[in-house]
Amino acid sequence: MLNTVQSDLFHTSTPGLQALPLKDAQVSYQPDWLSEQAASTLITQLQQSLPWRQDTIKLYGKSVSIPRLQSWHGAPHCEYTYSGLRMKPHPMPEALGELQQRLTDELGVPFNCVLANWYRDGQDGMGLHADDEPELGEEPVIASVSLGAERKFSFKHLPTGERTDIQLENGSLLVMAGQTQRFYHHGLSKTRKIIDGRINLTFRYISPDLCKYTSLSNHN
């Protein structure tokens, strides 16, 4: 099903979603997917209501506190592992469920989980990485909704080292699909500028079959 979805991804019912000129990738962006008022209301609601936590991951063999808060939500089978951290999903709250359904309707992708990251100020960030965990499948579709302060988001083309930066605005939608995770790393740079907080919501689809396979692999 998802292969068909990806081939038609940019023929969606979201007219403001525009493809970005990144070779070897399928990336699109819409700056005003949510109105500024809706996005500002939602970030306050999520800051107050989600079960935020600061996790510790393994980095070069050492335990390191990640520079952000996060909260993982989705269907019961949607356990997710990255950098040695295995997360079990919290139930999907109504506000996130409404966004997930809208994205499913507009993009034709059956999203069933979301990772919420709260970057509290400019000193919180995300290093360059790929969302290439086995449970996401070979060519995952990642829909990323930004709330709050505008931040620089970077893509690094792995074969050439070429870097492309874009500004993610309040209420914007960024969609990554196809072989983007194979050919690119992406991340959110830290900044010394005094800026307000930002919440990023990355909606994904995890197949129950793939989740069972990776769960067995992680226990072997």
Protein backbone atom coordinates (compact mmCIF):
# COMPACT_ATOMS: atom_id res chain seq x y z
CA MET A 1 0.00 0.00 0.00
CA LEU A 2 2.71 2.50 1.01
CA ASN A 3 4.62 2.14 -2.28
CA THR A 4 1.52 3.34 -4.12
CA VAL A 5 1.07 6.12 -1.59
CA GLN A 6 4.62 7.36 -2.11
CA SER A 7 4.40 7.41 -5.89
CA ASP A 8 1.34 9.70 -5.65
CA LEU A 9 2.54 11.67 -2.64
CA PHE A 10 2.81 15.07 -4.27
CA HIS A 11 -0.54 14.73 -6.06
CA THR A 12 -2.36 15.43 -2.80
CA SER A 13 -5.35 17.44 -1.64
CA THR A 14 -2.92 19.90 0.01
CA PRO A 15 -2.48 22.58 -2.70
CA GLY A 16 0.02 24.60 -0.66
CA LEU A 17 2.48 21.69 -0.38
CA GLN A 18 5.41 22.39 -2.72
CA ALA A 19 8.26 20.03 -3.65
CA LEU A 20 11.76 21.18 -2.65
CA PRO A 21 14.63 20.86 -5.16
CA LEU A 22 16.60 18.13 -3.37
CA LYS A 23 18.13 15.47 -5.62
CA ASP A 24 17.64 11.81 -4.67
CA ALA A 25 14.78 12.79 -2.35
CA GLN A 26 11.06 13.50 -2.12
CA VAL A 27 10.65 16.45 0.21
CA SER A 28 7.82 19.00 0.21
CA TYR A 29 6.99 22.00 2.37
CA GLN A 30 4.01 24.22 3.18
CA PRO A 31 4.64 27.23 5.46
CA ASP A 32 1.00 27.78 6.48
CA TRP A 33 -0.48 24.31 6.92
CA LEU A 34 -1.90 25.57 10.24
CA SER A 35 -2.92 29.17 10.81
CA GLU A 36 -0.62 31.14 13.12
CA GLN A 37 -3.40 31.38 15.71
CA ALA A 38 -4.13 27.63 15.63
CA ALA A 39 -0.44 26.77 15.87
CA SER A 40 0.14 29.16 18.79
CA THR A 41 -2.88 27.80 20.66
CA LEU A 42 -1.81 24.20 20.05
CA ILE A 43 1.77 24.64 21.27
CA THR A 44 0.51 26.04 24.59
CA GLN A 45 -1.94 23.16 24.94
CA LEU A 46 0.70 20.51 24.22
CA GLN A 47 3.29 22.08 26.52
CA GLN A 48 0.80 21.80 29.38
CA SER A 49 -0.76 18.41 28.63
CA LEU A 50 1.72 15.92 27.15
CA PRO A 51 3.78 13.62 29.45
CA TRP A 52 7.12 15.20 28.56
CA ARG A 53 10.41 13.58 29.57
CA GLN A 54 14.11 14.03 28.91
CA ASP A 55 15.55 10.70 27.88
CA THR A 56 19.09 9.38 27.94
CA ILE A 57 20.56 7.72 24.85
CA LYS A 58 23.77 5.90 24.02
CA LEU A 59 26.20 8.04 22.02
CA TYR A 60 29.62 6.59 21.21
CA GLY A 61 29.17 4.17 24.09
CA LYS A 62 28.28 6.84 26.66
CA SER A 63 24.94 7.76 28.22
CA VAL A 64 23.94 11.29 27.23
CA SER A 65 20.83 13.31 28.09
CA ILE A 66 19.20 14.43 24.85
CA PRO A 67 18.95 18.24 24.42
CA ARG A 68 15.16 18.39 24.23
CA LEU A 69 12.03 16.95 25.82
CA GLN A 70 9.99 14.33 24.01
CA SER A 71 6.74 12.38 24.15
CA TRP A 72 5.82 9.33 22.03
CA HIS A 73 2.18 8.53 21.15
CA GLY A 74 0.41 6.01 18.94
CA ALA A 75 -1.26 2.66 18.47
CA PRO A 76 -0.39 0.03 21.11
CA HIS A 77 1.96 -1.89 18.78
CA CYS A 78 3.98 1.20 17.86
CA GLU A 79 7.08 0.65 19.95
CA TYR A 80 10.00 2.63 18.54
CA THR A 81 13.75 2.28 19.01
CA TYR A 82 16.55 4.71 18.20
CA SER A 83 20.07 5.17 19.64
CA GLY A 84 19.47 2.31 22.07
CA LEU A 85 16.30 3.93 23.46
CA ARG A 86 13.10 1.90 23.20
CA MET A 87 9.89 3.85 23.64
CA LYS A 88 6.43 2.45 24.33
CA PRO A 89 3.59 4.65 23.09
CA HIS A 90 1.28 6.73 25.21
CA PRO A 91 -2.33 6.89 23.96
CA MET A 92 -2.99 9.42 21.21
CA PRO A 93 -4.55 12.57 22.73
CA GLU A 94 -7.45 14.16 20.90
CA ALA A 95 -5.52 17.16 19.57
CA LEU A 96 -2.80 14.99 18.04
CA GLY A 97 -5.37 12.51 16.77
CA GLU A 98 -7.13 15.29 14.84
CA LEU A 99 -3.87 16.36 13.20
CA GLN A 100 -3.06 12.73 12.37
CA GLN A 101 -6.43 12.21 10.70
CA ARG A 102 -6.07 15.41 8.66
CA LEU A 103 -2.63 14.30 7.44
CA THR A 104 -3.94 10.84 6.58
CA ASP A 105 -6.81 12.37 4.59
CA GLU A 106 -4.60 14.85 2.75
CA LEU A 107 -1.54 12.67 2.06
CA GLY A 108 -3.19 9.25 1.80
CA VAL A 109 -0.82 7.74 4.37
CA PRO A 110 -2.26 5.75 7.32
CA PHE A 111 -0.21 7.47 10.04
CA ASN A 112 -0.53 5.74 13.42
CA CYS A 113 2.09 7.32 15.69
CA VAL A 114 3.82 10.62 16.42
CA LEU A 115 7.00 11.74 18.15
CA ALA A 116 6.65 15.13 19.84
CA ASN A 117 9.89 17.02 20.49
CA TRP A 118 9.94 20.18 22.61
CA TYR A 119 12.96 22.41 21.93
CA ARG A 120 12.78 24.69 24.96
CA ASP A 121 15.22 27.32 23.63
CA GLY A 122 18.07 27.72 21.18
CA GLN A 123 20.32 25.38 23.16
CA ASP A 124 18.02 22.43 22.45
CA GLY A 125 18.52 20.75 19.10
CA MET A 126 18.77 17.53 17.08
CA GLY A 127 21.96 16.25 15.47
CA LEU A 128 22.11 15.10 11.86
CA HIS A 129 20.49 11.68 11.46
CA ALA A 130 18.18 9.60 9.27
CA ASP A 131 14.79 8.19 10.27
CA ASP A 132 15.77 4.77 8.96
CA GLU A 133 14.80 2.45 11.81
CA PRO A 134 13.59 -0.95 10.54
CA GLU A 135 10.09 -0.59 11.98
CA LEU A 136 9.47 2.43 9.72
CA GLY A 137 9.95 0.39 6.52
CA GLU A 138 12.28 0.91 3.56
CA GLU A 139 10.84 4.21 2.30
CA PRO A 140 9.00 5.85 5.19
CA VAL A 141 6.75 8.88 4.86
CA ILE A 142 7.46 11.35 7.66
CA ALA A 143 5.09 14.31 8.12
CA SER A 144 6.57 17.01 10.34
CA VAL A 145 4.44 19.80 11.81
CA SER A 146 6.23 22.76 13.44
CA LEU A 147 4.78 24.91 16.23
CA GLY A 148 6.32 27.97 17.83
CA ALA A 149 9.68 29.61 17.17
CA GLU A 150 11.10 29.47 13.65
CA ARG A 151 14.22 27.27 13.46
CA LYS A 152 16.79 26.31 10.82
CA PHE A 153 16.42 22.73 9.55
CA SER A 154 19.28 21.17 7.61
CA PHE A 155 19.60 18.42 5.02
CA LYS A 156 22.98 16.83 4.24
CA HIS A 157 23.25 14.87 0.97
CA LEU A 158 25.31 11.82 1.92
CA PRO A 159 26.92 11.07 -1.48
CA THR A 160 28.20 14.64 -1.98
CA GLY A 161 28.15 16.28 1.44
CA GLU A 162 26.05 19.12 0.02
CA ARG A 163 24.00 20.90 2.67
CA THR A 164 20.63 22.58 2.26
CA ASP A 165 19.03 24.71 4.99
CA ILE A 166 15.40 25.79 5.27
CA GLN A 167 13.52 27.76 7.92
CA LEU A 168 10.65 25.87 9.52
CA GLU A 169 7.91 28.36 10.34
CA ASN A 170 5.16 28.31 12.95
CA GLY A 171 2.33 26.13 11.60
CA SER A 172 4.37 24.67 8.75
CA LEU A 173 4.32 21.14 7.33
CA LEU A 174 7.39 19.32 5.98
CA VAL A 175 6.96 15.90 4.33
CA MET A 176 9.84 13.50 3.64
CA ALA A 177 9.25 10.38 1.53
CA GLY A 178 10.77 8.06 -1.08
CA GLN A 179 14.51 7.50 -0.60
CA THR A 180 15.09 10.67 1.42
CA GLN A 181 16.24 8.74 4.50
CA ARG A 182 18.68 6.72 2.41
CA PHE A 183 20.39 9.66 0.74
CA TYR A 184 20.09 12.39 3.40
CA HIS A 185 20.67 13.11 7.03
CA HIS A 186 18.63 15.91 8.59
CA GLY A 187 18.77 17.84 11.84
CA LEU A 188 17.93 20.98 13.81
CA SER A 189 20.92 23.18 14.64
CA LYS A 190 21.40 24.80 18.02
CA THR A 191 21.67 28.58 18.17
CA ARG A 192 22.99 31.11 20.69
CA LYS A 193 20.18 33.48 19.82
CA ILE A 194 17.57 34.01 22.50
CA ILE A 195 14.48 32.39 21.04
CA ASP A 196 11.20 30.98 22.30
CA GLY A 197 10.33 27.31 22.45
CA ARG A 198 9.35 25.11 19.52
CA ILE A 199 7.44 21.83 19.35
CA ASN A 200 7.89 19.53 16.39
CA LEU A 201 5.41 16.72 15.68
CA THR A 202 6.69 13.96 13.37
CA PHE A 203 3.89 11.64 12.28
CA ARG A 204 4.87 8.19 11.02
CA TYR A 205 3.41 4.81 10.06
CA ILE A 206 4.64 1.65 11.79
CA SER A 207 3.43 -1.64 10.37
CA PRO A 208 2.35 -4.19 13.01
CA ASP A 209 4.26 -6.88 11.10
CA LEU A 210 7.49 -4.86 10.96
CA CYS A 211 7.13 -3.95 14.62
CA LYS A 212 6.83 -7.62 15.61
CA TYR A 213 9.90 -8.48 13.54
CA THR A 214 12.08 -5.75 15.02
CA SER A 215 10.82 -6.52 18.53
CA LEU A 216 11.99 -10.11 18.15
CA SER A 217 15.33 -8.95 16.72
CA ASN A 218 15.92 -6.60 19.65
CA HIS A 219 15.44 -9.43 22.12
CA ASN A 220 17.86 -11.84 20.39
